[in-house]
């Protein structure tokens, strides 16, 4: 089990391979959206998923889970990566982000 986990971690750390997987799924999504199976593809995106306990729950479509949840996670990971990269460069010349880089 540990060797499988290590293999998965190496796979995720390999940026080029991760990009290839992302590109493959993007191509698959485009192909499905423009195929005769497009209504099924749309229905998949509109499938509701609920998470909750007790009297509280959160029910969103798959599309909303990806837009809200996974994109927030993505930007959290990007921020952590930038923080880690800036710490690695701490000994060398300090690099600063422009104050208005998001504009």
Protein backbone atom coordinates (compact mmCIF):
# COMPACT_ATOMS: atom_id res chain seq x y z
CA UNK A 1 0.00 0.00 0.00
CA UNK A 2 2.84 2.38 0.88
CA UNK A 3 4.53 1.83 -2.48
CA UNK A 4 1.27 2.69 -4.28
CA UNK A 5 1.01 5.88 -2.25
CA UNK A 6 4.61 6.81 -3.06
CA UNK A 7 3.98 6.15 -6.76
CA UNK A 8 0.89 8.39 -6.63
CA UNK A 9 2.85 11.14 -4.85
CA UNK A 10 5.62 10.99 -7.46
CA UNK A 11 2.98 11.16 -10.21
CA UNK A 12 1.32 14.22 -8.69
CA UNK A 13 4.67 15.95 -8.20
CA UNK A 14 5.59 15.49 -11.83
CA UNK A 15 4.18 18.68 -13.28
CA UNK A 16 4.50 17.70 -16.92
CA UNK A 17 2.63 14.43 -16.46
CA UNK A 18 -0.08 16.17 -14.43
CA UNK A 19 -0.49 18.64 -17.29
CA UNK A 20 -0.89 15.81 -19.78
CA UNK A 21 -3.64 14.25 -17.65
CA UNK A 22 -5.41 17.61 -17.38
CA UNK A 23 -5.17 18.12 -21.14
CA UNK A 24 -6.51 14.59 -21.80
CA UNK A 25 -9.56 15.20 -19.61
CA UNK A 26 -10.17 18.59 -21.26
CA UNK A 27 -10.12 16.95 -24.69
CA UNK A 28 -12.45 14.20 -23.44
CA UNK A 29 -14.87 16.81 -22.05
CA UNK A 30 -14.89 18.72 -25.35
CA UNK A 31 -15.48 15.52 -27.30
CA UNK A 32 -18.37 14.47 -25.06
CA UNK A 33 -19.96 17.93 -25.08
CA UNK A 34 -19.95 17.95 -28.90
CA UNK A 35 -21.04 14.36 -29.44
CA UNK A 36 -24.41 12.62 -29.63
CA UNK A 37 -23.99 11.98 -25.87
CA UNK A 38 -24.14 15.70 -25.09
CA UNK A 39 -27.53 15.46 -23.27
CA UNK A 40 -26.11 12.78 -20.97
CA UNK A 41 -23.02 14.89 -20.40
CA UNK A 42 -25.18 17.89 -19.49
CA UNK A 43 -27.30 15.73 -17.19
CA UNK A 44 -24.12 14.58 -15.43
CA UNK A 45 -23.13 18.19 -14.75
CA UNK A 46 -26.59 18.89 -13.31
CA UNK A 47 -26.54 15.90 -10.93
CA UNK A 48 -27.05 17.04 -7.33
CA UNK A 49 -24.71 15.94 -4.55
CA UNK A 50 -25.43 16.63 -0.90
CA UNK A 51 -23.05 16.70 2.04
CA UNK A 52 -24.28 17.09 5.57
CA UNK A 53 -24.88 15.80 9.02
CA UNK A 54 -27.77 16.14 11.40
CA UNK A 55 -30.16 18.83 10.26
CA UNK A 56 -27.60 20.71 8.16
CA UNK A 57 -26.69 19.86 4.60
CA UNK A 58 -25.20 21.44 1.52
CA UNK A 59 -26.67 20.37 -1.79
CA UNK A 60 -25.01 21.54 -4.99
CA UNK A 61 -24.78 20.30 -8.56
CA UNK A 62 -21.56 18.70 -9.76
CA UNK A 63 -20.88 21.85 -11.76
CA UNK A 64 -21.24 24.01 -8.63
CA UNK A 65 -19.03 21.69 -6.53
CA UNK A 66 -16.27 22.00 -9.12
CA UNK A 67 -16.63 25.75 -9.59
CA UNK A 68 -16.85 26.61 -5.90
CA UNK A 69 -15.02 23.86 -4.04
CA UNK A 70 -12.33 22.56 -6.33
CA UNK A 71 -11.41 25.96 -7.71
CA UNK A 72 -10.99 27.30 -4.16
CA UNK A 73 -8.78 24.30 -3.39
CA UNK A 74 -6.82 24.93 -6.60
CA UNK A 75 -6.08 28.55 -5.68
CA UNK A 76 -5.18 27.53 -2.12
CA UNK A 77 -2.61 25.10 -3.54
CA UNK A 78 -1.27 27.74 -5.94
CA UNK A 79 -0.86 30.15 -3.04
CA UNK A 80 0.96 27.52 -0.99
CA UNK A 81 3.23 26.77 -3.94
CA UNK A 82 4.10 30.46 -4.32
CA UNK A 83 4.80 30.70 -0.59
CA UNK A 84 7.06 27.63 -0.74
CA UNK A 85 8.91 28.96 -3.78
CA UNK A 86 9.50 32.33 -2.11
CA UNK A 87 10.88 30.58 0.99
CA UNK A 88 13.29 28.56 -1.18
CA UNK A 89 14.61 31.79 -2.66
CA UNK A 90 14.91 33.43 0.73
CA UNK A 91 18.65 32.79 0.89
CA UNK A 92 19.16 34.24 -2.59
CA UNK A 93 17.83 37.48 -3.94
CA UNK A 94 14.38 38.10 -2.52
CA UNK A 95 11.66 38.24 -5.12
CA UNK A 96 8.51 40.20 -4.50
CA UNK A 97 5.22 40.04 -6.26
CA UNK A 98 3.94 43.26 -7.76
CA UNK A 99 1.42 44.85 -5.40
CA UNK A 100 -1.24 45.07 -8.12
CA UNK A 101 -0.62 41.83 -9.97
CA UNK A 102 -4.31 40.86 -10.06
CA UNK A 103 -5.50 43.95 -11.91
